[in-house]
PDB file of N, CA and C in Angstrom:
ATOM      1  N   MET A   1     102.872 122.062 101.075  1.00  0.00           N
ATOM      2  CA  MET A   1     102.160 121.071 100.728  1.00  0.00           C
ATOM      3  C   MET A   1     101.085 121.195 101.056  1.00  0.00           C
ATOM      4  N   LYS A   2      99.575 121.095 100.590  1.00  0.00           N
ATOM      5  CA  LYS A   2      98.325 121.307 101.491  1.00  0.00           C
ATOM      6  C   LYS A   2      98.069 119.887 101.274  1.00  0.00           C
ATOM      7  N   LYS A   3      97.118 119.411 102.362  1.00  0.00           N
ATOM      8  CA  LYS A   3      96.534 117.998 102.604  1.00  0.00           C
ATOM      9  C   LYS A   3      95.516 117.740 101.732  1.00  0.00           C
ATOM     10  N   GLY A   4      94.893 118.621 101.148  1.00  0.00           N
ATOM     11  CA  GLY A   4      93.556 118.076 100.693  1.00  0.00           C
ATOM     12  C   GLY A   4      92.721 117.839 101.272  1.00  0.00           C
ATOM     13  N   HIS A   5      91.820 117.412 100.857  1.00  0.00           N
ATOM     14  CA  HIS A   5      90.556 116.637 101.721  1.00  0.00           C
ATOM     15  C   HIS A   5      89.664 115.588 100.804  1.00  0.00           C
ATOM     16  N   GLY A   6      88.908 114.871 101.492  1.00  0.00           N
ATOM     17  CA  GLY A   6      88.253 113.272 100.580  1.00  0.00           C
ATOM     18  C   GLY A   6      89.365 113.151 100.254  1.00  0.00           C
ATOM     19  N   LEU A   7      89.036 112.511  98.554  1.00  0.00           N
ATOM     20  CA  LEU A   7      89.686 111.349  97.873  1.00  0.00           C
ATOM     21  C   LEU A   7      91.011 112.209  97.259  1.00  0.00           C
ATOM     22  N   GLU A   8      90.954 113.680  97.592  1.00  0.00           N
ATOM     23  CA  GLU A   8      92.290 114.192  97.129  1.00  0.00           C
ATOM     24  C   GLU A   8      93.294 113.855  98.102  1.00  0.00           C
ATOM     25  N   ARG A   9      93.334 113.234  98.989  1.00  0.00           N
ATOM     26  CA  ARG A   9      94.575 113.093 100.139  1.00  0.00           C
ATOM     27  C   ARG A   9      95.066 111.771  99.481  1.00  0.00           C
ATOM     28  N   GLU A  10      94.431 110.893  98.620  1.00  0.00           N
ATOM     29  CA  GLU A  10      94.807 109.762  97.851  1.00  0.00           C
ATOM     30  C   GLU A  10      96.433 109.867  97.215  1.00  0.00           C
ATOM     31  N   VAL A  11      96.917 109.098  97.831  1.00  0.00           N
ATOM     32  CA  VAL A  11      98.763 108.637  97.349  1.00  0.00           C
ATOM     33  C   VAL A  11      98.556 107.596  96.413  1.00  0.00           C
ATOM     34  N   PRO A  12      98.769 107.791  94.951  1.00  0.00           N
ATOM     35  CA  PRO A  12      98.572 106.673  93.894  1.00  0.00           C
ATOM     36  C   PRO A  12      99.828 105.619  94.194  1.00  0.00           C
ATOM     37  N   ILE A  13      99.238 104.386  93.561  1.00  0.00           N
ATOM     38  CA  ILE A  13      99.893 103.416  94.184  1.00  0.00           C
ATOM     39  C   ILE A  13     101.243 103.214  92.690  1.00  0.00           C
ATOM     40  N   LEU A  14     102.558 103.146  93.125  1.00  0.00           N
ATOM     41  CA  LEU A  14     103.215 103.150  92.217  1.00  0.00           C
ATOM     42  C   LEU A  14     104.477 102.195  91.990  1.00  0.00           C
ATOM     43  N   THR A  15     104.783 101.486  91.230  1.00  0.00           N
ATOM     44  CA  THR A  15     105.742 100.098  91.167  1.00  0.00           C
ATOM     45  C   THR A  15     107.143 100.664  91.753  1.00  0.00           C
ATOM     46  N   GLU A  16     107.974  99.829  91.969  1.00  0.00           N
ATOM     47  CA  GLU A  16     109.397 100.520  92.091  1.00  0.00           C
ATOM     48  C   GLU A  16     110.209 100.527  90.759  1.00  0.00           C
ATOM     49  N   GLU A  17     109.624 100.038  89.894  1.00  0.00           N
ATOM     50  CA  GLU A  17     110.245 100.800  88.454  1.00  0.00           C
ATOM     51  C   GLU A  17     109.961 102.133  88.294  1.00  0.00           C
ATOM     52  N   LYS A  18     108.713 102.487  88.487  1.00  0.00           N
ATOM     53  CA  LYS A  18     108.236 103.819  88.354  1.00  0.00           C
ATOM     54  C   LYS A  18     108.735 104.917  89.456  1.00  0.00           C
ATOM     55  N   LEU A  19     109.118 104.641  90.943  1.00  0.00           N
ATOM     56  CA  LEU A  19     109.558 105.125  91.683  1.00  0.00           C
ATOM     57  C   LEU A  19     111.203 105.751  91.445  1.00  0.00           C
ATOM     58  N   THR A  20     111.769 104.589  90.590  1.00  0.00           N
ATOM     59  CA  THR A  20     113.107 104.850  90.277  1.00  0.00           C
ATOM     60  C   THR A  20     113.309 105.922  89.341  1.00  0.00           C
ATOM     61  N   ALA A  21     112.206 105.965  88.588  1.00  0.00           N
ATOM     62  CA  ALA A  21     112.391 107.052  87.611  1.00  0.00           C
ATOM     63  C   ALA A  21     112.199 108.625  87.902  1.00  0.00           C
ATOM     64  N   LEU A  22     111.248 108.602  89.281  1.00  0.00           N
ATOM     65  CA  LEU A  22     111.342 110.068  89.971  1.00  0.00           C
ATOM     66  C   LEU A  22     112.591 110.373  90.497  1.00  0.00           C
ATOM     67  N   SER A  23     112.602 111.903  90.186  1.00  0.00           N
ATOM     68  CA  SER A  23     113.941 112.635  90.917  1.00  0.00           C
ATOM     69  C   SER A  23     113.538 112.733  92.288  1.00  0.00           C
ATOM     70  N   THR A  24     114.657 112.969  93.208  1.00  0.00           N
ATOM     71  CA  THR A  24     114.845 112.760  94.599  1.00  0.00           C
ATOM     72  C   THR A  24     113.971 113.909  95.521  1.00  0.00           C
ATOM     73  N   THR A  25     113.867 114.710  94.447  1.00  0.00           N
ATOM     74  CA  THR A  25     112.958 115.825  95.181  1.00  0.00           C
ATOM     75  C   THR A  25     111.674 115.231  95.037  1.00  0.00           C
ATOM     76  N   GLN A  26     110.942 114.473  93.912  1.00  0.00           N
ATOM     77  CA  GLN A  26     109.576 114.118  93.675  1.00  0.00           C
ATOM     78  C   GLN A  26     109.389 112.934  94.900  1.00  0.00           C
ATOM     79  N   LEU A  27     110.244 112.188  95.089  1.00  0.00           N
ATOM     80  CA  LEU A  27     110.405 111.095  96.051  1.00  0.00           C
ATOM     81  C   LEU A  27     110.382 111.659  97.271  1.00  0.00           C
ATOM     82  N   LEU A  28     110.993 112.740  97.998  1.00  0.00           N
ATOM     83  CA  LEU A  28     110.730 113.112  99.058  1.00  0.00           C
ATOM     84  C   LEU A  28     109.414 113.963  99.403  1.00  0.00           C
ATOM     85  N   ALA A  29     108.589 114.242  98.374  1.00  0.00           N
ATOM     86  CA  ALA A  29     107.206 114.863  98.075  1.00  0.00           C
ATOM     87  C   ALA A  29     106.349 113.539  98.018  1.00  0.00           C
ATOM     88  N   ARG A  30     106.825 112.603  97.466  1.00  0.00           N
ATOM     89  CA  ARG A  30     105.945 111.240  97.974  1.00  0.00           C
ATOM     90  C   ARG A  30     105.957 110.818  99.388  1.00  0.00           C
ATOM     91  N   LEU A  31     107.084 110.938  99.754  1.00  0.00           N
ATOM     92  CA  LEU A  31     107.482 110.268 100.858  1.00  0.00           C
ATOM     93  C   LEU A  31     106.002 111.477 102.310  1.00  0.00           C
ATOM     94  N   LYS A  32     106.384 112.511 101.721  1.00  0.00           N
ATOM     95  CA  LYS A  32     105.677 113.522 102.850  1.00  0.00           C
ATOM     96  C   LYS A  32     104.157 113.552 102.569  1.00  0.00           C
ATOM     97  N   ARG A  33     103.661 113.177 101.108  1.00  0.00           N
ATOM     98  CA  ARG A  33     102.214 112.835 101.384  1.00  0.00           C
ATOM     99  C   ARG A  33     102.018 111.496 101.826  1.00  0.00           C
ATOM    100  N   LEU A  34     102.894 110.403 102.000  1.00  0.00           N
ATOM    101  CA  LEU A  34     102.272 109.445 102.692  1.00  0.00           C
ATOM    102  C   LEU A  34     102.136 109.463 104.203  1.00  0.00           C
ATOM    103  N   HIS A  35     103.268 110.563 104.792  1.00  0.00           N
ATOM    104  CA  HIS A  35     103.084 110.734 106.078  1.00  0.00           C
ATOM    105  C   HIS A  35     101.827 111.360 106.412  1.00  0.00           C
ATOM    106  N   TYR A  36     101.328 112.230 105.369  1.00  0.00           N
ATOM    107  CA  TYR A  36      99.959 113.076 105.616  1.00  0.00           C
ATOM    108  C   TYR A  36      98.611 111.912 105.459  1.00  0.00           C
ATOM    109  N   CYS A  37      98.571 110.717 105.238  1.00  0.00           N
ATOM    110  CA  CYS A  37      97.747 110.064 105.431  1.00  0.00           C
ATOM    111  C   CYS A  37      97.248 109.477 106.938  1.00  0.00           C
ATOM    112  N   GLU A  38      95.870 109.309 106.916  1.00  0.00           N
ATOM    113  CA  GLU A  38      94.957 109.391 108.072  1.00  0.00           C
ATOM    114  C   GLU A  38      95.783 107.774 108.878  1.00  0.00           C
ATOM    115  N   GLU A  39      95.668 107.496 109.803  1.00  0.00           N
ATOM    116  CA  GLU A  39      96.028 106.286 110.829  1.00  0.00           C
ATOM    117  C   GLU A  39      94.771 105.633 110.159  1.00  0.00           C
ATOM    118  N   SER A  40      93.515 105.396 110.169  1.00  0.00           N
ATOM    119  CA  SER A  40      92.635 104.166 109.701  1.00  0.00           C
ATOM    120  C   SER A  40      91.398 104.999 109.532  1.00  0.00           C
ATOM    121  N   LEU A  41      90.590 103.688 108.773  1.00  0.00           N
ATOM    122  CA  LEU A  41      88.988 104.569 108.341  1.00  0.00           C
ATOM    123  C   LEU A  41      88.447 104.582 109.636  1.00  0.00           C
ATOM    124  N   ASN A  42      88.738 104.113 110.862  1.00  0.00           N
ATOM    125  CA  ASN A  42      88.131 104.343 112.032  1.00  0.00           C
ATOM    126  C   ASN A  42      88.158 105.806 112.561  1.00  0.00           C
ATOM    127  N   ALA A  43      89.710 106.192 112.420  1.00  0.00           N
ATOM    128  CA  ALA A  43      89.927 107.534 112.635  1.00  0.00           C
ATOM    129  C   ALA A  43      89.688 108.932 111.682  1.00  0.00           C
ATOM    130  N   SER A  44      88.834 108.713 110.501  1.00  0.00           N
ATOM    131  CA  SER A  44      88.822 109.249 109.548  1.00  0.00           C
ATOM    132  C   SER A  44      87.494 110.117 109.435  1.00  0.00           C
ATOM    133  N   ASP A  45      87.274 111.075 108.618  1.00  0.00           N
ATOM    134  CA  ASP A  45      86.008 111.579 108.376  1.00  0.00           C
ATOM    135  C   ASP A  45      85.585 111.303 107.004  1.00  0.00           C
ATOM    136  N   LEU A  46      86.159 110.312 106.355  1.00  0.00           N
ATOM    137  CA  LEU A  46      85.832 109.696 105.051  1.00  0.00           C
ATOM    138  C   LEU A  46      84.748 108.678 105.328  1.00  0.00           C
ATOM    139  N   GLY A  47      83.794 108.522 104.378  1.00  0.00           N
ATOM    140  CA  GLY A  47      82.994 107.425 104.792  1.00  0.00           C
ATOM    141  C   GLY A  47      82.451 106.422 103.290  1.00  0.00           C
ATOM    142  N   ASP A  48      81.699 106.444 102.669  1.00  0.00           N
ATOM    143  CA  ASP A  48      81.671 105.727 101.588  1.00  0.00           C
ATOM    144  C   ASP A  48      82.253 105.782 100.363  1.00  0.00           C
ATOM    145  N   GLU A  49      82.681 106.842 100.027  1.00  0.00           N
ATOM    146  CA  GLU A  49      83.555 107.844  99.279  1.00  0.00           C
ATOM    147  C   GLU A  49      84.886 106.606  99.182  1.00  0.00           C
ATOM    148  N   VAL A  50      85.490 106.064  99.920  1.00  0.00           N
ATOM    149  CA  VAL A  50      86.457 105.298 100.380  1.00  0.00           C
ATOM    150  C   VAL A  50      86.363 104.230  99.096  1.00  0.00           C
ATOM    151  N   LYS A  51      85.205 103.585  99.080  1.00  0.00           N
ATOM    152  CA  LYS A  51      84.985 102.688  98.312  1.00  0.00           C
ATOM    153  C   LYS A  51      85.508 102.919  96.863  1.00  0.00           C
ATOM    154  N   SER A  52      85.863 104.012  96.313  1.00  0.00           N
ATOM    155  CA  SER A  52      86.218 104.598  95.087  1.00  0.00           C
ATOM    156  C   SER A  52      86.869 104.803  94.689  1.00  0.00           C
ATOM    157  N   CYS A  53      88.149 104.577  95.833  1.00  0.00           N
ATOM    158  CA  CYS A  53      89.760 104.641  95.784  1.00  0.00           C
ATOM    159  C   CYS A  53      90.319 103.890  95.847  1.00  0.00           C
ATOM    160  N   THR A  54      91.235 104.360  94.622  1.00  0.00           N
ATOM    161  CA  THR A  54      92.372 103.377  94.168  1.00  0.00           C
ATOM    162  C   THR A  54      93.380 103.281  94.189  1.00  0.00           C
ATOM    163  N   GLY A  55      93.782 104.283  95.365  1.00  0.00           N
ATOM    164  CA  GLY A  55      95.215 104.827  95.931  1.00  0.00           C
ATOM    165  C   GLY A  55      95.216 104.503  97.240  1.00  0.00           C
ATOM    166  N   ILE A  56      96.144 105.159  98.125  1.00  0.00           N
ATOM    167  CA  ILE A  56      96.390 104.813  99.606  1.00  0.00           C
ATOM    168  C   ILE A  56      95.690 105.772 100.188  1.00  0.00           C
ATOM    169  N   LEU A  57      95.041 105.744 101.256  1.00  0.00           N
ATOM    170  CA  LEU A  57      94.416 106.593 101.957  1.00  0.00           C
ATOM    171  C   LEU A  57      95.011 106.681 103.814  1.00  0.00           C
ATOM    172  N   PHE A  58      94.950 105.585 103.769  1.00  0.00           N
ATOM    173  CA  PHE A  58      95.426 104.891 105.649  1.00  0.00           C
ATOM    174  C   PHE A  58      96.315 104.271 105.825  1.00  0.00           C
ATOM    175  N   LYS A  59      97.236 104.695 106.884  1.00  0.00           N
ATOM    176  CA  LYS A  59      98.559 104.159 107.503  1.00  0.00           C
ATOM    177  C   LYS A  59      98.310 102.941 107.843  1.00  0.00           C
ATOM    178  N   ASN A  60      97.264 102.702 108.267  1.00  0.00           N
ATOM    179  CA  ASN A  60      97.478 100.859 108.350  1.00  0.00           C
ATOM    180  C   ASN A  60      96.850  99.695 107.912  1.00  0.00           C
ATOM    181  N   THR A  61      97.221  99.710 106.407  1.00  0.00           N
ATOM    182  CA  THR A  61      97.125  98.816 105.084  1.00  0.00           C
ATOM    183  C   THR A  61      98.553  98.696 104.637  1.00  0.00           C
ATOM    184  N   PRO A  62      98.671  97.571 104.143  1.00  0.00           N
ATOM    185  CA  PRO A  62      99.749  96.440 103.654  1.00  0.00           C
ATOM    186  C   PRO A  62     100.100  97.493 102.628  1.00  0.00           C
ATOM    187  N   GLU A  63      99.479  98.378 101.655  1.00  0.00           N
ATOM    188  CA  GLU A  63     100.181  99.060 100.646  1.00  0.00           C
ATOM    189  C   GLU A  63     100.635  99.995 101.011  1.00  0.00           C
ATOM    190  N   TRP A  64      99.861 100.798 102.373  1.00  0.00           N
ATOM    191  CA  TRP A  64     100.905 102.297 102.763  1.00  0.00           C
ATOM    192  C   TRP A  64     102.392 102.014 103.098  1.00  0.00           C
ATOM    193  N   LYS A  65     102.024 100.645 104.232  1.00  0.00           N
ATOM    194  CA  LYS A  65     103.541  99.791 104.349  1.00  0.00           C
ATOM    195  C   LYS A  65     104.788  99.385 103.560  1.00  0.00           C
ATOM    196  N   GLU A  66     103.902  98.974 102.155  1.00  0.00           N
ATOM    197  CA  GLU A  66     104.713  98.455 101.254  1.00  0.00           C
ATOM    198  C   GLU A  66     105.389  99.830 100.459  1.00  0.00           C
ATOM    199  N   ALA A  67     104.784 100.840 100.273  1.00  0.00           N
ATOM    200  CA  ALA A  67     105.169 102.256  99.476  1.00  0.00           C
ATOM    201  C   ALA A  67     105.699 102.870 100.571  1.00  0.00           C
ATOM    202  N   HIS A  68     105.835 102.730 101.694  1.00  0.00           N
ATOM    203  CA  HIS A  68     106.881 103.627 102.580  1.00  0.00           C
ATOM    204  C   HIS A  68     107.869 103.272 102.445  1.00  0.00           C
ATOM    205  N   GLU A  69     107.891 101.693 102.530  1.00  0.00           N
ATOM    206  CA  GLU A  69     109.257 100.952 102.686  1.00  0.00           C
ATOM    207  C   GLU A  69     110.013 101.100 100.979  1.00  0.00           C
ATOM    208  N   MET A  70     109.114 101.083 100.185  1.00  0.00           N
ATOM    209  CA  MET A  70     109.679 101.327  98.806  1.00  0.00           C
ATOM    210  C   MET A  70     110.354 102.502  98.519  1.00  0.00           C
ATOM    211  N   VAL A  71     110.038 103.835  98.768  1.00  0.00           N
ATOM    212  CA  VAL A  71     110.284 104.984  98.732  1.00  0.00           C
ATOM    213  C   VAL A  71     111.604 105.268  99.821  1.00  0.00           C
ATOM    214  N   LYS A  72     111.635 104.751 100.697  1.00  0.00           N
ATOM    215  CA  LYS A  72     112.775 104.788 101.667  1.00  0.00           C
ATOM    216  C   LYS A  72     113.977 104.020 100.917  1.00  0.00           C
ATOM    217  N   ARG A  73     113.495 102.759 100.334  1.00  0.00           N
ATOM    218  CA  ARG A  73     114.523 102.154  99.667  1.00  0.00           C
ATOM    219  C   ARG A  73     115.331 102.564  98.425  1.00  0.00           C
ATOM    220  N   VAL A  74     114.359 103.335  97.716  1.00  0.00           N
ATOM    221  CA  VAL A  74     114.800 104.164  96.703  1.00  0.00           C
ATOM    222  C   VAL A  74     115.730 105.316  96.809  1.00  0.00           C
ATOM    223  N   LEU A  75     115.150 106.076  97.763  1.00  0.00           N
ATOM    224  CA  LEU A  75     115.869 107.375  98.683  1.00  0.00           C
ATOM    225  C   LEU A  75     117.170 106.726  98.907  1.00  0.00           C
ATOM    226  N   ALA A  76     117.645 105.569  99.594  1.00  0.00           N
ATOM    227  CA  ALA A  76     118.793 105.009 100.174  1.00  0.00           C
ATOM    228  C   ALA A  76     119.882 105.278  99.073  1.00  0.00           C
ATOM    229  N   THR A  77     119.368 105.337  97.761  1.00  0.00           N
ATOM    230  CA  THR A  77     120.371 105.168  96.797  1.00  0.00           C
ATOM    231  C   THR A  77     120.151 106.327  96.034  1.00  0.00           C
ATOM    232  N   ARG A  78     120.037 107.427  96.722  1.00  0.00           N
ATOM    233  CA  ARG A  78     119.995 108.637  96.039  1.00  0.00           C
ATOM    234  C   ARG A  78     121.202 109.452  96.894  1.00  0.00           C
ATOM    235  N   GLU A  79     121.414 110.860  96.359  1.00  0.00           N
ATOM    236  CA  GLU A  79     122.041 111.773  96.869  1.00  0.00           C
ATOM    237  C   GLU A  79     121.413 112.789  97.893  1.00  0.00           C
ATOM    238  N   HIS A  80     122.086 113.238  98.930  1.00  0.00           N
ATOM    239  CA  HIS A  80     121.247 114.061  99.673  1.00  0.00           C
ATOM    240  C   HIS A  80     120.938 115.583  98.896  1.00  0.00           C
ATOM    241  N   VAL A  81     119.643 115.974  99.052  1.00  0.00           N
ATOM    242  CA  VAL A  81     119.312 117.031  98.774  1.00  0.00           C
ATOM    243  C   VAL A  81     119.061 118.333  99.867  1.00  0.00           C
ATOM    244  N   PHE A  82     119.720 119.314  99.516  1.00  0.00           N
ATOM    245  CA  PHE A  82     119.821 120.240 100.485  1.00  0.00           C
ATOM    246  C   PHE A  82     118.661 121.141 100.461  1.00  0.00           C
ATOM    247  N   LYS A  83     118.291 122.088 101.632  1.00  0.00           N
ATOM    248  CA  LYS A  83     117.117 122.872 101.364  1.00  0.00           C
ATOM    249  C   LYS A  83     117.520 124.036 101.078  1.00  0.00           C
ATOM    250  N   SER A  84     116.896 124.594  99.855  1.00  0.00           N
ATOM    251  CA  SER A  84     117.568 125.915  99.382  1.00  0.00           C
ATOM    252  C   SER A  84     117.016 126.942 100.348  1.00  0.00           C
ATOM    253  N   LYS A  85     118.152 128.112 100.292  1.00  0.00           N
ATOM    254  CA  LYS A  85     118.163 128.935 101.253  1.00  0.00           C
ATOM    255  C   LYS A  85     117.473 130.489 100.427  1.00  0.00           C
ATOM    256  N   VAL A  86     116.039 130.101 100.748  1.00  0.00           N
ATOM    257  CA  VAL A  86     115.252 131.734  99.774  1.00  0.00           C
ATOM    258  C   VAL A  86     115.020 132.372 100.588  1.00  0.00           C
ATOM    259  N   ARG A  87     115.559 133.544 100.303  1.00  0.00           N
ATOM    260  CA  ARG A  87     115.252 135.034 101.042  1.00  0.00           C
ATOM    261  C   ARG A  87     114.223 135.773 100.689  1.00  0.00           C
TER     262      ARG A  87
END
């Protein structure tokens, strides 16, 4: 998965209802994207473009913490997904 740059790193804010509708693989991908978020605006190379952001970019926000907990909560109800052995 590519991290992207600028606002492409943005993770959309979803409700728990929408998360429940996602597949386990999609939830794992969302969790990975949340982990790619930067720690804070101060440690970021982003500037004023952050003001136009509607999603999650930084880990030190309440939105990130809530989204992370929500994904973990929904994943806890799902089956385990094994990595495929592609050769």
